[in-house]
Amino acid sequence: MTDRTILDLYRHDVDAPRGNHYSHWTPSGRRSLTTGEFLRRTCALADAFGALGVRPGDRVMLLSDDRPEWHMVDLAVLDLHAVDVPVYGTLTPAQIAYQVNDSGAKAAVAENAEQMRKFLSVRDACPSLEHLIQIEGPREPGVLDFEELATAERGGSEQRFWDRAAAIDERSLMTIIYTSGTTGEPKGVMLNHHNLVTNVLHTVRRVEGSRSDLALEFLPLCHVLERMVSYCYMWYSTSKAYCSVVHVGDLIGSIRPTIFTGVPRFYEKVQQKILDAVAAAPPVKRALFDWAHGVGREAALRRIAGRELSGTLGARHRLADRLVLSKVREGLGGRLRFCITGGAEMPLHVAEFFHSLGIWVVEGYGLTETSPVISANGAQPGSLRLGTTGRPLDNVEVKLAEDGELLVRGPSVMMGYWNKPEATAEVLDSEGWFRTGDIAEIDDDGFLLIVDRKKDIIVTAGGKNVAPQPIESLLKRSPYVDVAVLIGDRRPYVTALISPNFDELERWAEANRVVAADRADLIEQPRTRQLFGEIVDTINAGLARYEQIKRFRLLPIPLSIDGGHLTPTLKVKRRAVEGTFAHLIDHMYAESG
């Protein structure tokens, strides 16, 4: 069978039937589905969507945590030759309304009553939205019950499902994935079946999975990396466990996966939890861990280089693994063969830490616009180089522009941005080369190293894209804010440096009897901190959770052209600001909580 479409990849799952093929884990327990149960519900759902009027090319929005129903909706929509539009649960109602209206979504599926309220609150402003469907929980009038749609008896549904699947044009639009741009207005990345399927078929050559694996899905499936990897799991015919990213820390030990994907921030948190436990242990155990970790690191570097463990090192490593390293791995279930990471840069020391424990972490690089993988390390000795994102996939061409920007061409490059031909033309030339916006280097062995981001988009350690300028503009609407600079690229959360409008602030201080010796003293006054805290809180109320400013610092001096922090056109020189005030930035991220 030639794999042309996502439904062809799913067919591999169906052709390897088993019990407990799909399991959904929550703090209250586990629910499992057989291969046949999942298929029957997906087929019934496709028929139900068709009966609601979903036609080829129509858009269906999906807002849910990771669970089997996410893939049921995905596959059912694609089977109808329609287009799904997955979105993050952290979006605000206003952000959802924008994406509904921009995509022209005809129907929306939400996980529960809390998420459905977002759609209900903006429904009157979304004329294209005809149907609302809720997966679980109490429903408002007019909201359809997912369970009823997925269990409705319609004879011949499976045959209709596969007949429709066989007729899909692999070059047809299958999904719109919204990503932030420099203007802050989300851009809908258009991908077709061919984009994603070719990415899957070349990615699986780097890492080997099988039916005997248990893949854990907790990174949100609306994230293009987890979504593409989930299609790899279908191709492998692995069993799958789903859980929310909120609960994965508590559940992973019970789930006992052999494969999972996580953004770098997840690995950083796991590392810190392990190190905190070591720090709290008695001195003898701390010393034993340090010894075992050192042996593990030495052994890992040999394995990565493709060299065998033998002699004294082999014996020491077997002892270290038995006494310490295997027990640490038990915290992640004890069965991991390898893990995948992407969405942001993996700090080198974090990668080395996990390899030292005997957990092979495969880092890759890509963008939503490239479906997403451009390059990836491998799970075989000699195919991985720490500190890089691996070699480009075999079907991807890469080259560096004169300024070092990475350009990419290949079958996984997007069709374009939905409703934005000008934005498409800015990044995709007539020869098919896509401008990634990242500065890169390629070493003599072909491994790709991402050096810096060319534009100002912040990519947090959690892999979320944040456009800083619109948020900075919101802050500057306050008369007390002169300049604001958001920080957060490759960091766990967003923070801000705020240069006050001291003329206005000093007038406020006089009117409110806030006494200070000078400007440096004024910004440290509790009431001044409260004033700016309220400004930040007001802005945060209209932002998605991952965009919100978690901490801020007030600068004691105005940012200026003469000071080297502003260009002649009064644009912020971000690198200069971050360099001058590095101590304030470091302090914001050093704080606990």
Protein backbone atom coordinates (compact mmCIF):
# COMPACT_ATOMS: atom_id res chain seq x y z
CA MET A 1 0.00 0.00 0.00
CA THR A 2 1.32 3.44 -0.95
CA ASP A 3 0.95 5.96 1.85
CA ARG A 4 -0.47 9.13 0.28
CA THR A 5 -2.72 10.56 2.97
CA ILE A 6 -3.11 10.69 6.73
CA LEU A 7 -5.86 8.10 6.40
CA ASP A 8 -3.34 5.75 4.78
CA LEU A 9 -1.10 6.17 7.84
CA TYR A 10 -4.07 5.43 10.08
CA ARG A 11 -4.71 2.25 8.11
CA HIS A 12 -1.47 0.83 9.57
CA ASP A 13 -3.07 1.15 13.02
CA VAL A 14 -6.25 -0.56 11.90
CA ASP A 15 -4.32 -3.43 10.30
CA ALA A 16 -2.66 -4.25 13.64
CA PRO A 17 -5.68 -4.74 15.93
CA ARG A 18 -5.37 -5.22 19.68
CA GLY A 19 -7.06 -4.50 22.96
CA ASN A 20 -6.05 -1.39 24.91
CA HIS A 21 -4.78 0.15 21.68
CA TYR A 22 -5.72 3.66 22.84
CA SER A 23 -5.84 4.67 26.51
CA HIS A 24 -6.79 7.95 28.12
CA TRP A 25 -5.16 8.62 31.49
CA THR A 26 -6.46 11.14 34.03
CA PRO A 27 -5.93 11.51 37.79
CA SER A 28 -9.20 9.62 38.30
CA GLY A 29 -8.18 6.59 36.27
CA ARG A 30 -7.70 5.08 32.83
CA ARG A 31 -10.13 4.43 29.98
CA SER A 32 -9.10 2.19 27.10
CA LEU A 33 -10.37 1.48 23.61
CA THR A 34 -9.68 -1.42 21.30
CA THR A 35 -8.65 -0.88 17.71
CA GLY A 36 -12.16 -1.75 16.55
CA GLU A 37 -13.92 0.50 19.05
CA PHE A 38 -11.83 3.48 18.03
CA LEU A 39 -12.48 2.80 14.32
CA ARG A 40 -16.24 2.39 14.77
CA ARG A 41 -16.53 5.65 16.68
CA THR A 42 -14.40 7.49 14.11
CA CYS A 43 -16.50 6.16 11.22
CA ALA A 44 -19.73 7.09 12.99
CA LEU A 45 -18.37 10.55 13.70
CA ALA A 46 -17.47 11.08 10.04
CA ASP A 47 -21.02 10.16 9.01
CA ALA A 48 -22.43 12.46 11.70
CA PHE A 49 -20.31 15.41 10.58
CA GLY A 50 -21.44 14.74 7.01
CA ALA A 51 -25.07 14.74 8.14
CA LEU A 52 -24.48 18.12 9.79
CA GLY A 53 -23.44 19.51 6.44
CA VAL A 54 -19.64 19.35 6.64
CA ARG A 55 -18.50 19.18 3.03
CA PRO A 56 -15.12 18.96 1.26
CA GLY A 57 -13.07 22.06 2.03
CA ASP A 58 -15.17 23.10 5.06
CA ARG A 59 -13.26 23.96 8.20
CA VAL A 60 -13.84 22.35 11.60
CA MET A 61 -12.17 23.80 14.71
CA LEU A 62 -10.93 21.47 17.45
CA LEU A 63 -10.10 22.56 21.01
CA SER A 64 -9.22 19.71 23.37
CA ASP A 65 -6.50 18.26 25.54
CA ASP A 66 -4.83 15.10 24.29
CA ARG A 67 -7.27 12.18 24.30
CA PRO A 68 -8.45 9.54 21.79
CA GLU A 69 -11.35 11.79 20.77
CA TRP A 70 -8.86 14.35 19.42
CA HIS A 71 -7.72 11.90 16.78
CA MET A 72 -11.26 10.68 16.14
CA VAL A 73 -12.28 14.22 15.19
CA ASP A 74 -9.10 14.74 13.18
CA LEU A 75 -9.54 11.55 11.15
CA ALA A 76 -13.30 12.00 10.70
CA VAL A 77 -12.87 15.54 9.36
CA LEU A 78 -10.08 14.52 7.01
CA ASP A 79 -12.12 11.55 5.77
CA LEU A 80 -14.78 14.01 4.58
CA HIS A 81 -12.08 15.85 2.60
CA ALA A 82 -12.62 18.73 5.00
CA VAL A 83 -10.05 20.81 6.89
CA ASP A 84 -9.42 20.77 10.61
CA VAL A 85 -8.27 23.82 12.57
CA PRO A 86 -6.73 22.74 15.91
CA VAL A 87 -6.27 25.45 18.54
CA TYR A 88 -4.76 25.76 22.00
CA GLY A 89 -6.96 25.59 25.08
CA THR A 90 -5.14 28.62 26.48
CA LEU A 91 -6.60 30.96 23.86
CA THR A 92 -8.95 33.69 25.02
CA PRO A 93 -12.47 34.04 23.57
CA ALA A 94 -11.33 37.01 21.47
CA GLN A 95 -8.45 35.01 20.02
CA ILE A 96 -10.77 32.11 19.25
CA ALA A 97 -13.22 34.45 17.55
CA TYR A 98 -10.46 35.78 15.31
CA GLN A 99 -9.43 32.30 14.23
CA VAL A 100 -13.01 31.12 13.73
CA ASN A 101 -13.79 34.12 11.52
CA ASP A 102 -10.51 34.05 9.65
CA SER A 103 -10.81 30.34 8.88
CA GLY A 104 -14.57 30.48 8.32
CA ALA A 105 -15.04 27.42 10.54
CA LYS A 106 -18.45 25.79 10.09
CA ALA A 107 -18.28 23.66 13.25
CA ALA A 108 -16.26 23.56 16.45
CA VAL A 109 -15.54 20.70 18.84
CA ALA A 110 -14.60 21.56 22.43
CA GLU A 111 -13.57 19.20 25.19
CA ASN A 112 -15.71 20.41 28.08
CA ALA A 113 -18.09 23.06 29.36
CA GLU A 114 -15.29 25.44 30.33
CA GLN A 115 -13.84 25.47 26.83
CA MET A 116 -17.28 25.52 25.20
CA ARG A 117 -18.12 28.73 27.07
CA LYS A 118 -15.44 30.48 25.02
CA PHE A 119 -17.25 29.59 21.81
CA LEU A 120 -20.67 30.42 23.24
CA SER A 121 -19.47 33.85 24.36
CA VAL A 122 -18.38 34.80 20.82
CA ARG A 123 -20.84 32.80 18.73
CA ASP A 124 -22.91 35.83 17.77
CA ALA A 125 -19.78 37.42 16.34
CA CYS A 126 -18.91 34.32 14.29
CA PRO A 127 -21.49 34.03 11.48
CA SER A 128 -19.88 30.99 9.83
CA LEU A 129 -20.10 28.87 12.98
CA GLU A 130 -23.17 26.64 12.58
CA HIS A 131 -22.54 23.73 14.97
CA LEU A 132 -20.97 23.34 18.42
CA ILE A 133 -20.06 19.88 19.70
CA GLN A 134 -18.87 19.03 23.22
CA ILE A 135 -16.93 15.90 24.15
CA GLU A 136 -17.81 15.64 27.84
CA GLY A 137 -19.59 17.37 30.70
CA PRO A 138 -22.87 19.29 31.06
CA ARG A 139 -23.95 21.06 27.88
CA GLU A 140 -25.76 24.31 27.21
CA PRO A 141 -28.86 24.24 24.98
CA GLY A 142 -27.97 23.95 21.33
CA VAL A 143 -24.62 22.25 21.96
CA LEU A 144 -24.44 18.78 20.43
CA ASP A 145 -23.32 15.72 22.38
CA PHE A 146 -20.15 14.16 20.97
CA GLU A 147 -21.02 10.78 22.45
CA GLU A 148 -24.32 10.65 20.59
CA LEU A 149 -22.62 11.46 17.30
CA ALA A 150 -19.84 8.91 17.82
CA THR A 151 -22.14 6.05 18.77
CA ALA A 152 -24.99 6.56 16.30
CA GLU A 153 -25.72 3.38 14.35
CA ARG A 154 -25.50 3.85 10.60
CA GLY A 155 -25.12 0.73 8.52
CA GLY A 156 -22.10 0.59 6.23
CA SER A 157 -20.26 3.43 7.96
CA GLU A 158 -16.88 1.69 7.84
CA GLN A 159 -17.13 0.98 4.13
CA ARG A 160 -18.13 4.58 3.44
CA PHE A 161 -15.22 5.76 5.57
CA TRP A 162 -12.62 3.87 3.56
CA ASP A 163 -14.28 4.67 0.23
CA ARG A 164 -14.04 8.39 0.99
CA ALA A 165 -10.48 7.96 2.24
CA ALA A 166 -9.40 6.33 -1.02
CA ALA A 167 -10.68 9.34 -3.00
CA ILE A 168 -8.71 12.01 -1.09
CA ASP A 169 -6.43 14.21 -3.18
CA GLU A 170 -3.14 14.27 -1.25
CA ARG A 171 -2.43 17.78 -2.54
CA SER A 172 -5.67 19.15 -1.08
CA LEU A 173 -5.70 21.36 2.01
CA MET A 174 -6.09 19.25 5.15
CA THR A 175 -5.33 21.60 8.04
CA ILE A 176 -4.87 25.25 9.02
CA ILE A 177 -2.57 25.77 11.99
CA TYR A 178 -2.38 29.29 13.40
CA THR A 179 0.96 30.68 14.46
CA SER A 180 1.89 34.14 15.70
CA GLY A 181 3.64 36.56 13.39
CA THR A 182 5.67 39.69 13.96
CA THR A 183 2.51 41.80 13.79
CA GLY A 184 0.92 39.64 16.46
CA GLU A 185 -1.95 38.80 14.12
CA PRO A 186 -1.97 35.01 13.82
CA LYS A 187 -1.20 33.51 10.42
CA GLY A 188 -2.94 30.32 9.34
CA VAL A 189 -0.37 27.87 7.98
CA MET A 190 -1.93 25.74 5.23
CA LEU A 191 -0.69 22.15 5.03
CA ASN A 192 -1.89 19.34 2.78
CA HIS A 193 -1.69 15.58 3.15
CA HIS A 194 1.44 15.41 1.01
CA ASN A 195 3.23 17.91 3.26
CA LEU A 196 2.70 15.91 6.43
CA VAL A 197 2.88 12.39 5.02
CA THR A 198 6.23 12.98 3.34
CA ASN A 199 7.51 14.50 6.58
CA VAL A 200 6.37 11.42 8.50
CA LEU A 201 7.87 8.93 6.05
CA HIS A 202 11.29 10.57 6.20
CA THR A 203 11.25 11.27 9.94
CA VAL A 204 10.61 7.62 10.82
CA ARG A 205 13.93 6.77 9.17
CA ARG A 206 15.69 8.59 12.01
CA VAL A 207 13.94 6.84 14.89
CA GLU A 208 12.60 3.30 14.96
CA GLY A 209 9.27 2.48 16.53
CA SER A 210 7.19 -0.67 16.49
CA ARG A 211 3.89 -2.21 17.45
CA SER A 212 5.42 -3.29 20.78
CA ASP A 213 6.01 0.33 21.83
CA LEU A 214 3.72 2.40 24.02
CA ALA A 215 3.79 6.02 22.87
CA LEU A 216 2.70 8.69 25.35
CA GLU A 217 1.03 11.80 23.93
CA PHE A 218 0.90 14.76 26.30
CA LEU A 219 2.36 17.67 24.33
CA PRO A 220 -0.78 19.36 22.94
CA LEU A 221 -1.81 17.74 19.66
CA CYS A 222 -2.53 21.17 18.21
CA HIS A 223 1.26 21.65 18.38
CA VAL A 224 2.49 20.60 14.93
CA LEU A 225 5.37 18.56 16.36
CA GLU A 226 3.18 16.32 18.51
CA ARG A 227 0.67 16.03 15.72
CA MET A 228 3.24 14.91 13.16
CA VAL A 229 4.79 12.49 15.66
CA SER A 230 1.33 11.09 16.36
CA TYR A 231 1.07 10.21 12.66
CA CYS A 232 4.47 8.50 12.97
CA TYR A 233 2.96 6.42 15.77
CA MET A 234 0.14 5.43 13.41
CA TRP A 235 2.68 4.36 10.81
CA TYR A 236 4.54 2.35 13.47
CA SER A 237 1.20 0.90 14.72
CA THR A 238 2.21 1.62 18.31
CA SER A 239 -0.21 1.53 21.20
CA LYS A 240 -0.95 5.03 22.44
CA ALA A 241 -1.54 6.58 25.85
CA TYR A 242 -2.97 10.10 26.07
CA CYS A 243 -2.89 12.46 29.03
CA SER A 244 -2.94 16.18 29.68
CA VAL A 245 0.35 18.02 29.91
CA VAL A 246 -0.92 19.26 33.28
CA HIS A 247 -1.00 15.71 34.70
CA VAL A 248 1.91 14.03 32.95
CA GLY A 249 4.30 14.50 35.86
CA ASP A 250 1.99 12.56 38.17
CA LEU A 251 0.98 9.88 35.67
CA ILE A 252 4.06 9.04 33.62
CA GLY A 253 5.40 6.58 36.20
CA SER A 254 2.16 4.59 36.00
CA ILE A 255 1.79 4.82 32.23
CA ARG A 256 5.34 3.48 31.68
CA PRO A 257 5.80 4.64 28.07
CA THR A 258 8.62 3.56 25.77
CA ILE A 259 8.49 6.72 23.62
CA PHE A 260 7.28 10.28 24.12
CA THR A 261 7.80 13.79 22.78
CA GLY A 262 8.35 16.83 24.97
CA VAL A 263 9.50 20.40 24.59
CA PRO A 264 12.80 21.34 26.28
CA ARG A 265 11.04 22.96 29.22
CA PHE A 266 9.57 19.57 30.18
CA TYR A 267 13.02 18.00 30.35
CA GLU A 268 14.33 20.94 32.34
CA LYS A 269 11.59 20.46 34.92
CA VAL A 270 12.27 16.73 35.18
CA GLN A 271 15.99 17.38 35.58
CA GLN A 272 15.36 19.95 38.30
CA LYS A 273 13.03 17.57 40.15
CA ILE A 274 15.70 14.88 40.12
CA LEU A 275 18.42 17.26 41.26
CA ASP A 276 16.20 18.62 44.04
CA ALA A 277 15.66 15.07 45.30
CA VAL A 278 19.41 14.44 45.20
CA ALA A 279 20.12 17.66 47.08
CA ALA A 280 17.71 16.59 49.85
CA ALA A 281 19.34 13.15 50.19
CA PRO A 282 21.99 12.25 52.78
CA PRO A 283 25.61 13.00 51.84
CA VAL A 284 26.43 9.38 51.03
CA LYS A 285 23.58 9.12 48.53
CA ARG A 286 24.51 12.46 46.96
CA ALA A 287 28.05 11.24 46.46
CA LEU A 288 26.79 7.96 44.96
CA PHE A 289 24.57 9.83 42.50
CA ASP A 290 27.40 12.14 41.45
CA TRP A 291 29.66 9.13 40.82
CA ALA A 292 26.99 7.25 38.87
CA HIS A 293 26.07 10.33 36.85
CA GLY A 294 29.71 10.87 35.93
CA VAL A 295 30.08 7.27 34.80
CA GLY A 296 26.83 7.54 32.87
CA ARG A 297 28.03 10.65 31.08
CA GLU A 298 31.27 8.98 30.06
CA ALA A 299 29.38 5.95 28.79
CA ALA A 300 26.82 8.10 26.95
CA LEU A 301 29.49 9.98 25.01
CA ARG A 302 30.97 6.65 23.87
CA ARG A 303 27.56 5.35 22.77
CA ILE A 304 26.78 8.56 20.88
CA ALA A 305 30.10 8.21 19.07
CA GLY A 306 29.17 4.64 18.12
CA ARG A 307 31.83 3.04 20.32
CA GLU A 308 31.24 -0.03 22.46
CA LEU A 309 31.34 0.00 26.25
CA SER A 310 34.00 -2.44 27.31
CA GLY A 311 36.61 -3.08 29.93
CA THR A 312 36.61 -1.07 33.12
CA LEU A 313 34.11 1.52 31.86
CA GLY A 314 31.62 -1.20 30.92
CA ALA A 315 31.87 -2.76 34.36
CA ARG A 316 31.58 0.59 36.15
CA HIS A 317 28.60 1.55 34.05
CA ARG A 318 26.77 -1.71 34.77
CA LEU A 319 27.28 -1.11 38.48
CA ALA A 320 26.23 2.57 38.26
CA ASP A 321 23.15 1.61 36.30
CA ARG A 322 22.14 -1.11 38.77
CA LEU A 323 22.68 1.01 41.86
CA VAL A 324 21.47 4.44 40.70
CA LEU A 325 20.65 5.19 37.07
CA SER A 326 17.97 2.52 36.58
CA LYS A 327 16.23 3.70 39.73
CA VAL A 328 16.14 7.28 38.42
CA ARG A 329 14.66 6.05 35.13
CA GLU A 330 11.92 4.30 37.10
CA GLY A 331 10.51 7.74 37.84
CA LEU A 332 9.66 7.97 34.13
CA GLY A 333 8.24 4.48 34.05
CA GLY A 334 11.49 2.60 33.59
CA ARG A 335 10.84 1.49 29.99
CA LEU A 336 11.88 4.47 27.87
CA ARG A 337 13.77 3.57 24.69
CA PHE A 338 14.07 7.12 23.43
CA CYS A 339 12.46 10.55 23.71
CA ILE A 340 11.94 13.26 21.11
CA THR A 341 12.31 16.98 21.65
CA GLY A 342 11.76 20.08 19.54
CA GLY A 343 9.80 23.32 19.43
CA ALA A 344 12.69 25.20 21.04
CA GLU A 345 16.40 24.70 21.64
CA MET A 346 17.34 21.97 24.08
CA PRO A 347 20.05 23.28 26.44
CA LEU A 348 23.16 21.17 26.00
CA HIS A 349 23.54 20.42 29.70
CA VAL A 350 19.98 19.12 29.86
CA ALA A 351 20.52 16.80 26.89
CA GLU A 352 23.75 15.49 28.41
CA PHE A 353 21.99 14.88 31.72
CA PHE A 354 19.35 12.61 30.18
CA HIS A 355 21.86 10.72 28.05
CA SER A 356 23.89 10.18 31.21
CA LEU A 357 20.86 8.55 32.80
CA GLY A 358 20.59 6.17 29.86
CA ILE A 359 17.69 8.00 28.18
CA TRP A 360 18.35 8.67 24.51
CA VAL A 361 16.93 12.10 23.64
CA VAL A 362 16.54 12.88 19.94
CA GLU A 363 16.45 16.59 19.12
CA GLY A 364 15.12 17.97 15.87
CA TYR A 365 14.32 21.32 14.32
CA GLY A 366 11.53 22.67 12.20
CA LEU A 367 8.61 25.05 11.95
CA THR A 368 4.88 24.80 11.50
CA GLU A 369 5.46 25.98 7.93
CA THR A 370 7.65 22.92 7.22
CA SER A 371 5.29 20.27 8.61
CA PRO A 372 7.46 20.59 10.84
CA VAL A 373 10.73 18.61 10.70
CA ILE A 374 13.64 20.05 8.73
CA SER A 375 16.43 18.23 10.53
CA ALA A 376 16.65 15.58 13.21
CA ASN A 377 19.19 13.59 15.10
CA GLY A 378 18.84 9.82 15.05
CA ALA A 379 18.37 7.12 17.63
CA GLN A 380 21.29 5.09 16.33
CA PRO A 381 24.92 5.52 17.41
CA GLY A 382 26.76 7.93 15.15
CA SER A 383 23.56 9.63 13.99
CA LEU A 384 23.35 12.09 16.88
CA ARG A 385 25.47 15.09 17.74
CA LEU A 386 24.65 16.91 20.96
CA GLY A 387 24.23 20.64 20.61
CA THR A 388 22.87 20.31 17.08
CA THR A 389 19.46 19.54 15.62
CA GLY A 390 20.80 16.74 13.46
CA ARG A 391 21.15 16.43 9.72
CA PRO A 392 18.42 17.63 7.33
CA LEU A 393 15.90 15.00 6.27
CA ASP A 394 16.75 13.19 3.06
CA ASN A 395 13.98 14.90 1.08
CA VAL A 396 14.76 18.43 2.35
CA GLU A 397 17.14 20.88 0.68
CA VAL A 398 18.78 23.53 2.85
CA LYS A 399 21.08 26.44 2.14
CA LEU A 400 22.23 29.57 3.94
CA ALA A 401 21.48 33.05 2.69
CA GLU A 402 24.21 35.67 2.72
CA ASP A 403 23.15 36.81 6.19
CA GLY A 404 23.14 33.26 7.50
CA GLU A 405 19.38 32.76 7.40
CA LEU A 406 18.41 29.16 6.80
CA LEU A 407 16.44 28.58 3.60
CA VAL A 408 14.53 25.34 3.06
CA ARG A 409 12.93 23.65 0.07
CA GLY A 410 11.09 20.36 -0.13
CA PRO A 411 7.72 18.57 -0.20
CA SER A 412 6.98 19.41 3.44
CA VAL A 413 7.03 23.19 2.90
CA MET A 414 3.57 24.69 3.40
CA MET A 415 1.10 25.66 0.71
CA GLY A 416 1.08 29.19 2.11
CA TYR A 417 -0.69 31.34 4.71
CA TRP A 418 -4.49 31.28 4.70
CA ASN A 419 -5.94 34.53 3.36
CA LYS A 420 -2.49 36.17 3.40
CA PRO A 421 -0.88 36.05 -0.05
CA GLU A 422 1.42 38.98 0.75
CA ALA A 423 2.75 37.28 3.90
CA THR A 424 3.23 34.10 1.89
CA ALA A 425 5.26 35.92 -0.75
CA GLU A 426 7.50 37.38 1.95
CA VAL A 427 8.74 33.95 3.03
CA LEU A 428 8.24 31.68 0.00
CA ASP A 429 9.91 32.54 -3.29
CA SER A 430 9.03 31.45 -6.82
CA GLU A 431 11.52 28.58 -6.70
CA GLY A 432 9.99 27.12 -3.56
CA TRP A 433 12.61 28.28 -1.05
CA PHE A 434 11.17 29.08 2.37
CA ARG A 435 12.81 31.66 4.61
CA THR A 436 12.88 30.22 8.13
CA GLY A 437 13.79 33.45 9.93
CA ASP A 438 16.53 31.54 11.81
CA ILE A 439 20.26 32.07 11.59
CA ALA A 440 22.00 28.72 11.24
CA GLU A 441 25.30 26.98 10.69
CA ILE A 442 25.99 23.63 9.02
CA ASP A 443 29.08 21.74 10.18
CA ASP A 444 31.41 19.68 8.01
CA ASP A 445 29.41 16.52 8.71
CA GLY A 446 26.11 18.11 7.70
CA PHE A 447 24.70 18.63 11.21
CA LEU A 448 22.55 21.74 11.59
CA LEU A 449 23.06 24.24 14.39
CA ILE A 450 20.50 26.99 15.00
CA VAL A 451 22.42 30.05 16.17
CA ASP A 452 19.81 32.75 16.64
CA ARG A 453 16.39 33.97 15.59
CA LYS A 454 16.47 36.56 12.88
CA LYS A 455 13.24 38.24 13.88
CA ASP A 456 11.92 39.24 17.24
CA ILE A 457 9.40 36.46 17.77
CA ILE A 458 9.88 34.91 21.17
CA VAL A 459 9.85 31.10 21.31
CA THR A 460 9.54 30.07 24.94
CA ALA A 461 11.19 26.97 26.37
CA GLY A 462 7.74 25.40 26.16
CA GLY A 463 7.71 25.88 22.39
CA LYS A 464 5.03 28.58 22.36
CA ASN A 465 5.38 31.50 19.95
CA VAL A 466 4.84 34.95 21.42
CA ALA A 467 4.84 38.13 19.32
CA PRO A 468 6.31 40.78 21.65
CA GLN A 469 5.49 44.01 19.83
CA PRO A 470 1.70 43.96 20.23
CA ILE A 471 2.03 43.25 23.96
CA GLU A 472 4.63 45.97 24.32
CA SER A 473 2.27 48.33 22.51
CA LEU A 474 -0.49 47.48 24.96
CA LEU A 475 1.80 48.30 27.87
CA LYS A 476 2.76 51.61 26.30
CA ARG A 477 -0.86 52.65 26.21
CA SER A 478 -0.41 53.51 29.87
CA PRO A 479 0.81 57.06 30.41
CA TYR A 480 3.31 55.74 32.92
CA VAL A 481 5.11 53.45 30.42
CA ASP A 482 7.65 54.90 28.02
CA VAL A 483 9.22 51.75 26.56
CA ALA A 484 8.59 48.07 27.27
CA VAL A 485 10.77 45.15 26.21
CA LEU A 486 9.51 41.60 26.49
CA ILE A 487 11.99 38.85 27.36
CA GLY A 488 11.41 35.11 27.10
CA ASP A 489 13.08 33.59 24.07
CA ARG A 490 14.06 30.01 25.01
CA ARG A 491 13.10 30.77 28.61
CA PRO A 492 10.34 29.18 30.70
CA TYR A 493 8.02 32.21 30.72
CA VAL A 494 7.67 35.79 29.52
CA THR A 495 8.98 38.72 31.55
CA ALA A 496 9.26 42.43 30.84
CA LEU A 497 11.66 45.30 31.32
CA ILE A 498 9.71 48.55 31.64
CA SER A 499 11.21 52.00 31.24
CA PRO A 500 8.81 54.37 33.00
CA ASN A 501 7.67 57.72 31.68
CA PHE A 502 9.29 59.51 34.58
CA ASP A 503 7.57 62.83 33.97
CA GLU A 504 4.16 61.24 34.37
CA LEU A 505 5.34 58.94 37.15
CA GLU A 506 6.75 61.80 39.19
CA ARG A 507 3.50 63.71 38.83
CA TRP A 508 1.63 60.63 40.01
CA ALA A 509 4.00 60.29 42.96
CA GLU A 510 3.48 63.90 44.01
CA ALA A 511 -0.30 63.60 43.74
CA ASN A 512 -0.31 60.40 45.75
CA ARG A 513 2.24 61.53 48.33
CA VAL A 514 4.79 58.90 47.39
CA VAL A 515 8.10 60.21 48.67
CA ALA A 516 11.38 59.12 47.07
CA ALA A 517 14.94 60.41 47.10
CA ASP A 518 15.43 59.99 43.36
CA ARG A 519 14.18 58.02 40.38
CA ALA A 520 16.00 54.85 41.39
CA ASP A 521 14.33 55.09 44.79
CA LEU A 522 10.95 55.90 43.23
CA ILE A 523 10.74 52.69 41.19
CA GLU A 524 11.45 50.64 44.32
CA GLN A 525 8.58 52.12 46.33
CA PRO A 526 5.84 49.54 47.10
CA ARG A 527 3.06 51.75 45.74
CA THR A 528 4.98 52.28 42.51
CA ARG A 529 5.42 48.53 42.14
CA GLN A 530 1.69 48.15 42.80
CA LEU A 531 0.85 50.72 40.11
CA PHE A 532 2.82 48.89 37.45
CA GLY A 533 1.63 45.53 38.71
CA GLU A 534 -1.93 46.63 38.04
CA ILE A 535 -0.95 47.76 34.53
CA VAL A 536 0.59 44.37 33.81
CA ASP A 537 -2.38 42.51 35.31
CA THR A 538 -4.78 44.44 33.09
CA ILE A 539 -2.79 43.51 29.98
CA ASN A 540 -2.45 39.88 31.08
CA ALA A 541 -6.23 39.53 31.38
CA GLY A 542 -6.53 39.76 27.60
CA LEU A 543 -3.66 37.43 26.76
CA ALA A 544 -3.36 33.68 26.41
CA ARG A 545 -1.67 32.08 29.42
CA TYR A 546 1.63 31.46 27.65
CA GLU A 547 1.76 35.12 26.52
CA GLN A 548 1.24 36.56 29.98
CA ILE A 549 4.00 38.53 31.71
CA LYS A 550 4.97 36.57 34.81
CA ARG A 551 7.49 39.07 36.21
CA PHE A 552 8.71 42.58 35.42
CA ARG A 553 11.39 45.03 36.43
CA LEU A 554 11.33 48.82 36.23
CA LEU A 555 14.41 50.42 34.73
CA PRO A 556 16.03 53.31 36.62
CA ILE A 557 16.96 55.19 33.43
CA PRO A 558 15.06 56.06 30.25
CA LEU A 559 15.97 54.09 27.13
CA SER A 560 17.42 56.47 24.56
CA ILE A 561 19.25 56.79 21.26
CA ASP A 562 22.26 58.28 23.02
CA GLY A 563 22.33 55.42 25.46
CA GLY A 564 22.52 52.94 22.60
CA HIS A 565 19.22 51.26 23.38
CA LEU A 566 17.10 52.83 20.62
CA THR A 567 17.68 53.20 16.88
CA PRO A 568 17.32 56.59 15.19
CA THR A 569 13.76 55.61 14.33
CA LEU A 570 13.18 54.81 18.04
CA LYS A 571 13.03 51.05 17.59
CA VAL A 572 14.32 49.06 20.53
CA LYS A 573 17.72 47.44 20.15
CA ARG A 574 16.79 44.28 21.97
CA ARG A 575 20.28 42.85 22.22
CA ALA A 576 21.64 46.08 23.67
CA VAL A 577 18.86 46.25 26.25
CA GLU A 578 19.30 42.62 27.24
CA GLY A 579 23.04 43.13 27.58
CA THR A 580 22.83 46.24 29.72
CA PHE A 581 20.19 44.84 32.02
CA ALA A 582 21.26 41.19 32.04
CA HIS A 583 21.46 41.24 35.85
CA LEU A 584 17.79 42.24 36.13
CA ILE A 585 16.75 39.59 33.62
CA ASP A 586 18.73 36.88 35.39
CA HIS A 587 17.16 37.86 38.71
CA MET A 588 13.63 37.53 37.29
CA TYR A 589 14.33 33.98 36.17
CA ALA A 590 16.21 33.06 39.33
CA GLU A 591 13.19 33.76 41.52
CA SER A 592 11.29 30.71 42.72
CA GLY A 593 7.56 30.11 42.24
